[in-house]
Protein backbone atom coordinates (compact mmCIF):
# COMPACT_ATOMS: atom_id res chain seq x y z
CA MET A 1 -8.79 -25.13 0.93
CA ARG A 2 -12.21 -25.03 -0.61
CA ARG A 3 -12.57 -24.53 -4.29
CA HIS A 4 -15.97 -22.65 -5.06
CA PRO A 5 -18.03 -24.78 -7.29
CA GLU A 6 -18.54 -23.79 -11.02
CA ARG A 7 -22.26 -22.25 -12.22
CA PRO A 8 -24.17 -25.46 -13.02
CA GLY A 9 -24.31 -26.46 -16.43
CA ALA A 10 -21.59 -24.19 -17.56
CA ALA A 11 -19.58 -26.97 -18.98
CA ARG A 12 -22.70 -28.17 -21.01
CA ASP A 13 -23.62 -24.94 -22.14
CA HIS A 14 -20.35 -23.94 -23.43
CA PRO A 15 -18.44 -27.01 -24.48
CA GLU A 16 -15.72 -25.25 -26.20
CA SER A 17 -14.62 -23.70 -23.21
CA SER A 18 -14.82 -23.62 -19.34
CA GLN A 19 -14.28 -20.76 -16.80
CA ALA A 20 -12.86 -21.19 -13.39
CA THR A 21 -14.04 -19.37 -10.65
CA HIS A 22 -11.70 -17.89 -7.87
CA ARG A 23 -9.89 -20.08 -5.54
CA GLY A 24 -9.92 -18.81 -2.02
CA ARG A 25 -9.98 -19.92 1.61
CA PRO A 26 -12.40 -18.89 4.31
CA GLY A 27 -11.44 -15.81 5.84
CA SER A 28 -9.01 -14.60 3.12
CA SER A 29 -10.00 -12.37 0.23
CA HIS A 30 -13.79 -12.26 0.57
CA ASP A 31 -14.25 -12.62 4.11
CA HIS A 32 -14.65 -9.08 5.21
CA ALA A 33 -15.50 -9.73 8.69
CA THR A 34 -12.11 -11.13 9.27
CA LEU A 35 -9.83 -8.26 7.52
CA THR A 36 -7.33 -6.91 9.66
CA THR A 37 -7.59 -2.98 9.31
CA HIS A 38 -6.41 -1.83 13.04
CA ARG A 39 -8.88 0.87 13.25
CA GLY A 40 -8.27 1.17 16.71
CA ARG A 41 -4.87 1.85 16.44
CA LEU A 42 -5.11 4.26 13.76
CA ALA A 43 -7.65 6.36 15.78
CA ILE A 44 -5.22 6.37 18.60
CA ALA A 45 -2.23 7.53 16.39
CA PHE A 46 -4.77 10.27 14.86
CA ALA A 47 -5.53 11.51 18.18
CA ILE A 48 -2.06 11.62 19.35
CA THR A 49 -0.81 13.33 16.15
CA GLY A 50 -3.48 15.70 16.16
CA THR A 51 -2.59 16.79 19.68
CA ILE A 52 1.22 17.37 18.49
CA LEU A 53 0.31 19.29 15.78
CA VAL A 54 -1.57 21.94 17.75
CA ALA A 55 1.10 22.23 20.13
CA GLU A 56 3.79 22.38 17.37
CA VAL A 57 1.92 25.14 15.52
CA ILE A 58 1.83 27.11 18.74
CA GLY A 59 5.39 26.46 19.20
CA ALA A 60 6.39 27.55 15.49
CA LEU A 61 4.70 30.92 16.06
CA TRP A 62 6.24 31.34 19.40
CA THR A 63 9.69 30.63 18.64
CA GLY A 64 9.80 31.41 14.85
CA SER A 65 11.63 28.19 13.92
CA LEU A 66 11.54 26.79 10.34
CA ALA A 67 12.09 23.31 11.84
CA LEU A 68 9.34 23.41 14.06
CA LEU A 69 7.08 24.97 11.29
CA VAL A 70 8.14 22.46 8.80
CA ASP A 71 7.50 19.65 11.47
CA ALA A 72 4.28 21.09 11.89
CA ALA A 73 3.28 20.99 8.20
CA HIS A 74 4.51 17.36 8.27
CA LEU A 75 2.32 16.60 11.12
CA LEU A 76 -0.64 18.38 9.34
CA THR A 77 -0.23 16.04 6.48
CA ASP A 78 0.29 13.19 8.72
CA ALA A 79 -2.80 13.75 10.66
CA ALA A 80 -4.79 14.26 7.70
CA GLY A 81 -3.15 11.14 6.08
CA LEU A 82 -4.02 9.10 9.44
CA LEU A 83 -7.38 10.29 9.04
CA MET A 84 -7.68 9.14 5.41
CA ALA A 85 -5.98 5.95 6.63
CA LEU A 86 -8.68 5.56 9.37
CA VAL A 87 -11.35 6.23 6.81
CA ALA A 88 -9.87 3.78 4.14
CA ALA A 89 -9.72 1.08 6.94
CA SER A 90 -13.37 1.59 7.55
CA LEU A 91 -14.30 1.29 3.82
CA VAL A 92 -12.44 -2.01 3.06
CA LEU A 93 -14.89 -3.69 5.38
CA ARG A 94 -17.78 -3.01 3.02
CA ALA A 95 -18.99 -5.94 1.29
CA PRO A 96 -18.64 -6.00 -2.30
CA SER A 97 -21.62 -5.38 -4.61
CA PRO A 98 -22.36 -5.46 -8.55
CA GLU A 99 -21.21 -2.43 -8.79
CA ARG A 100 -17.98 -2.67 -6.78
CA THR A 101 -16.92 -6.39 -7.14
CA TRP A 102 -13.78 -5.75 -5.02
CA GLY A 103 -15.81 -3.64 -2.63
CA PHE A 104 -13.59 -0.93 -1.39
CA ARG A 105 -10.33 -2.81 -0.98
CA ARG A 106 -8.21 -0.35 -3.07
CA ALA A 107 -9.19 2.58 -0.51
CA GLU A 108 -6.04 1.91 1.45
CA VAL A 109 -3.91 2.41 -1.80
CA LEU A 110 -5.68 5.64 -2.76
CA ALA A 111 -4.97 6.90 0.83
CA ALA A 112 -1.47 5.96 0.75
CA GLY A 113 -1.12 7.83 -2.65
CA ALA A 114 -2.50 10.95 -1.45
CA GLN A 115 -0.67 10.82 1.91
CA SER A 116 2.78 10.37 -0.08
CA ALA A 117 1.89 13.19 -2.79
CA VAL A 118 1.16 15.68 -0.37
CA LEU A 119 4.45 14.95 1.57
CA LEU A 120 6.34 15.74 -1.44
CA ALA A 121 4.80 19.24 -1.63
CA VAL A 122 5.86 19.65 2.23
CA GLY A 123 9.24 18.48 1.29
CA ALA A 124 9.77 20.88 -1.72
CA TYR A 125 8.53 23.58 0.57
CA ALA A 126 11.07 22.70 3.06
CA PHE A 127 14.02 22.68 0.76
CA ILE A 128 13.08 26.41 -0.94
CA GLU A 129 12.40 27.98 2.52
CA GLY A 130 15.33 26.34 4.15
CA VAL A 131 17.92 27.90 1.39
CA ARG A 132 15.96 31.20 1.78
CA ARG A 133 16.58 31.00 5.65
CA LEU A 134 20.35 30.09 5.34
CA ALA A 135 20.79 33.32 3.29
CA ASP A 136 18.67 35.30 5.95
CA PRO A 137 18.38 33.49 9.29
CA PRO A 138 15.63 34.87 11.46
CA ALA A 139 16.08 35.01 15.20
CA VAL A 140 14.77 31.58 17.00
CA GLY A 141 13.60 31.04 20.50
CA SER A 142 15.93 27.90 21.88
CA GLY A 143 13.70 27.38 25.01
CA GLY A 144 10.57 27.02 23.36
CA LEU A 145 11.84 24.83 20.52
CA LEU A 146 13.21 22.43 22.78
CA ALA A 147 10.38 22.14 24.79
CA PHE A 148 8.15 21.44 21.95
CA GLY A 149 10.56 19.10 20.35
CA ILE A 150 10.48 17.14 23.32
CA ILE A 151 6.60 17.33 23.43
CA GLY A 152 6.32 16.03 19.58
CA LEU A 153 9.09 13.41 20.44
CA VAL A 154 7.37 11.87 23.35
CA GLY A 155 3.87 11.86 21.52
CA ASN A 156 5.31 10.23 18.50
CA LEU A 157 7.15 7.55 20.31
CA VAL A 158 3.61 6.68 22.30
CA ALA A 159 1.87 6.60 18.60
CA LEU A 160 4.88 4.11 17.11
CA LEU A 161 4.08 1.90 19.97
CA VAL A 162 0.59 1.80 19.09
CA LEU A 163 1.00 1.37 15.51
CA SER A 164 4.33 -0.96 15.48
CA SER A 165 2.33 -4.35 15.62
CA GLY A 166 0.20 -3.57 12.85
CA ARG A 167 2.68 -2.02 10.41
CA GLY A 168 2.92 -5.03 8.11
CA ALA A 169 -0.87 -5.55 7.77
CA ASN A 170 -1.15 -3.68 4.50
CA LEU A 171 -0.02 -0.85 2.69
CA ASN A 172 -2.22 1.87 4.62
CA MET A 173 -0.93 0.84 7.80
CA ARG A 174 2.85 0.91 6.41
CA ALA A 175 2.41 4.22 5.34
CA ALA A 176 0.78 5.33 8.64
CA PHE A 177 3.69 3.86 10.44
CA LEU A 178 6.39 5.30 8.39
CA GLU A 179 4.83 9.02 9.02
CA VAL A 180 5.15 8.50 12.30
CA VAL A 181 8.65 7.47 12.46
CA ASN A 182 9.48 10.33 10.35
CA ASP A 183 7.79 12.39 12.73
CA ALA A 184 9.88 11.36 15.40
CA LEU A 185 12.87 11.66 13.65
CA GLY A 186 11.74 15.23 12.61
CA SER A 187 11.40 15.92 16.61
CA VAL A 188 14.83 14.77 17.03
CA ALA A 189 16.05 17.44 14.57
CA VAL A 190 14.22 19.83 16.34
CA ILE A 191 15.61 19.11 19.58
CA ILE A 192 19.29 19.00 18.25
CA SER A 193 18.45 22.31 16.67
CA ALA A 194 17.22 24.02 19.97
CA VAL A 195 20.26 22.60 21.79
CA VAL A 196 23.00 23.86 19.04
CA ILE A 197 20.96 27.40 19.27
CA ALA A 198 21.02 27.45 22.92
CA THR A 199 24.83 26.61 23.15
CA THR A 200 26.47 28.29 20.28
CA GLY A 201 23.76 30.87 19.04
CA TRP A 202 24.00 29.58 15.71
CA THR A 203 20.54 30.19 14.34
CA ARG A 204 21.10 28.63 10.59
CA VAL A 205 21.05 25.40 12.03
CA ASP A 206 17.21 25.77 12.33
CA ALA A 207 17.08 25.97 8.49
CA LEU A 208 19.48 23.08 8.16
CA ALA A 209 17.06 21.03 10.55
CA GLY A 210 14.04 22.06 8.43
CA MET A 211 15.80 20.78 5.45
CA LEU A 212 16.89 17.60 7.32
CA ILE A 213 13.36 16.80 7.86
CA ALA A 214 12.56 17.11 4.26
CA THR A 215 15.02 14.94 3.45
CA LEU A 216 13.39 12.15 5.59
CA ILE A 217 10.14 13.02 3.91
CA VAL A 218 10.84 13.01 0.41
CA PRO A 219 12.30 9.49 -0.19
CA ARG A 220 9.79 7.47 1.99
CA ALA A 221 6.99 9.53 0.10
CA LEU A 222 8.38 8.54 -3.35
CA THR A 223 8.74 4.87 -2.42
CA VAL A 224 4.86 4.55 -1.19
CA LEU A 225 3.66 6.45 -4.11
CA ARG A 226 5.55 4.21 -6.42
CA GLU A 227 4.07 1.20 -4.73
CA ALA A 228 0.60 2.60 -4.80
CA GLY A 229 1.07 3.63 -8.51
CA SER A 230 2.29 0.13 -9.20
CA ILE A 231 -0.86 -1.45 -7.65
CA LEU A 232 -3.41 1.24 -9.33
CA LEU A 233 -1.60 0.41 -12.85
CA GLU A 234 -2.21 -3.35 -12.07
CA SER A 235 1.40 -4.28 -12.54
CA THR A 236 2.52 -7.87 -12.11
CA PRO A 237 2.89 -8.26 -8.36
CA ARG A 238 6.48 -7.92 -6.92
CA GLY A 239 8.03 -11.56 -6.49
CA LEU A 240 5.97 -13.20 -9.13
CA ASP A 241 7.84 -14.22 -12.45
CA LEU A 242 4.93 -14.65 -14.89
CA GLU A 243 7.41 -16.43 -17.07
CA ALA A 244 7.75 -19.06 -14.81
CA VAL A 245 4.34 -19.08 -14.05
CA ARG A 246 3.66 -19.95 -17.83
CA ASN A 247 6.35 -22.71 -17.97
CA HIS A 248 4.95 -24.17 -14.89
CA VAL A 249 1.42 -24.28 -16.49
CA LEU A 250 2.91 -25.72 -19.85
CA GLY A 251 4.45 -28.32 -17.74
CA VAL A 252 0.83 -29.30 -16.50
CA PRO A 253 -0.31 -32.53 -18.38
CA HIS A 254 -2.81 -31.95 -21.22
CA VAL A 255 -1.96 -28.34 -21.40
CA ARG A 256 -0.97 -27.28 -24.85
CA ASP A 257 -0.77 -23.52 -24.88
CA VAL A 258 -1.07 -20.42 -22.48
CA HIS A 259 -2.18 -17.08 -23.56
CA ASP A 260 -3.68 -13.95 -22.10
CA LEU A 261 -1.79 -14.31 -18.78
CA HIS A 262 -2.34 -11.55 -16.40
CA ALA A 263 -1.53 -10.98 -12.83
CA SER A 264 -1.99 -7.93 -10.67
CA THR A 265 -2.70 -6.72 -7.20
CA ILE A 266 -6.02 -5.72 -5.99
CA ALA A 267 -4.88 -4.40 -2.58
CA THR A 268 -2.02 -5.54 -0.03
CA GLY A 269 -2.04 -9.07 0.25
CA LEU A 270 -4.30 -9.68 -2.45
CA PRO A 271 -2.60 -10.65 -5.79
CA VAL A 272 -4.79 -12.19 -8.89
CA LEU A 273 -4.01 -14.24 -11.74
CA SER A 274 -5.93 -14.89 -15.01
CA ALA A 275 -5.23 -16.86 -18.07
CA HIS A 276 -6.73 -18.85 -21.08
CA VAL A 277 -5.29 -22.39 -21.14
CA VAL A 278 -5.53 -24.48 -24.39
CA LEU A 279 -6.34 -28.13 -23.47
CA ASP A 280 -6.28 -31.37 -25.42
CA ASP A 281 -9.93 -32.01 -27.12
CA ALA A 282 -9.95 -35.18 -25.30
CA CYS A 283 -10.12 -33.22 -22.04
CA PHE A 284 -13.42 -31.84 -22.89
CA GLN A 285 -14.85 -35.48 -23.63
CA ASP A 286 -13.81 -37.27 -20.94
CA GLY A 287 -14.54 -34.74 -18.22
CA HIS A 288 -10.70 -34.51 -17.55
CA ALA A 289 -10.82 -30.71 -17.74
CA ALA A 290 -12.24 -30.28 -14.05
CA GLU A 291 -8.94 -32.29 -12.90
CA VAL A 292 -6.77 -29.99 -15.00
CA LEU A 293 -8.48 -27.00 -13.71
CA GLY A 294 -7.49 -28.06 -10.17
CA GLN A 295 -3.82 -28.63 -11.08
CA LEU A 296 -3.41 -25.25 -12.29
CA GLN A 297 -4.96 -23.62 -9.25
CA ASP A 298 -2.96 -25.54 -6.88
CA CYS A 299 0.10 -24.69 -9.12
CA VAL A 300 -0.17 -20.97 -8.83
CA ALA A 301 -1.25 -21.07 -5.01
CA ALA A 302 1.74 -23.11 -3.99
CA HIS A 303 4.48 -23.27 -6.29
CA PHE A 304 5.65 -19.46 -6.21
CA ASP A 305 7.11 -17.31 -3.55
CA VAL A 306 3.66 -15.33 -4.05
CA SER A 307 1.01 -17.33 -3.52
CA VAL A 308 -2.08 -16.46 -5.87
CA GLU A 309 -5.18 -17.92 -4.29
CA HIS A 310 -7.30 -16.00 -6.39
CA SER A 311 -6.76 -17.14 -9.84
CA THR A 312 -9.30 -17.68 -13.07
CA PHE A 313 -8.49 -19.75 -15.83
CA GLN A 314 -10.58 -20.11 -19.03
CA LEU A 315 -10.08 -23.64 -20.20
CA GLU A 316 -10.03 -23.83 -24.37
CA PRO A 317 -10.02 -26.59 -26.91
CA PRO A 318 -7.50 -26.10 -29.45
CA GLY A 319 -8.38 -23.25 -32.05
CA HIS A 320 -10.63 -21.48 -29.70
CA ALA A 321 -8.39 -18.19 -29.63
CA GLN A 322 -9.30 -17.45 -33.17
CA ARG A 323 -12.59 -16.24 -32.00
CA GLU A 324 -11.19 -14.12 -29.57
CA HIS A 325 -10.42 -10.31 -30.10
CA GLY A 326 -7.57 -8.58 -29.34
CA ALA A 327 -3.67 -9.64 -29.11
CA HIS A 328 -2.92 -12.78 -27.36
CA ALA A 329 0.27 -12.93 -24.87
């Protein structure tokens, strides 16, 4: 790993404190050319989902099925979600600028959050309409319902194969993959509904299938929405214990105190950490501060379950915190 050089003359111009720039490795947080966004996979999944959507809309109008209608609505939001995911995957490749120092890395988080919010609305509609249809079930054509359910299932399985290998790349890809998983399960529910209607004539199963699809939508939407919200609220990255970080930093020789310790996530796989670290006066006189800085960066990059390779430390002499404004933690 390489450490970015500090601004020439920074320590001489400001002897009372020194600022560490970020620690990174080539091709990690700032090498946008090597970011893995899986745009090709997303484009294929979007084309497949769009095709199934058109087929299911036709099928819902033809058969009068709530299950197929809800699945089509689900597919509509998923198609829009995949389109947003595709756009987000393109935006994250844009280089940072003075106006956007992180570029568009958080576009994938915004896209995932928007998809989840829309899916919650679809799930609520499915429950309400399902209850109404249980009380007054309409006629449903089982033959067409079965045919369109099979078409949807086959298409979703193909999309799953396309997305499966990249589903762990980021939150954007995870949301897209989970959408297609639920589409496939929705198609299974449609098929089962069609078989039950064909064999028993019990049309209320269609409403139950629609409500089942909604139960598949809501928990997953809440999970992704919670994760996206956590990132946007700049919560501490999951798995990183800040108290353990504080204690480990305090254990570095010549470190007297740590305050203003913060950690958050810019985007999937990009945790960041900053802190003000108080050192012995002697460290600023004999040049030892630079060695301590390296130890601090190595500490947060290697000693915890979440590796923080983008860390910023402000090194301060005792008493410097009195010149700063705001509370210290």
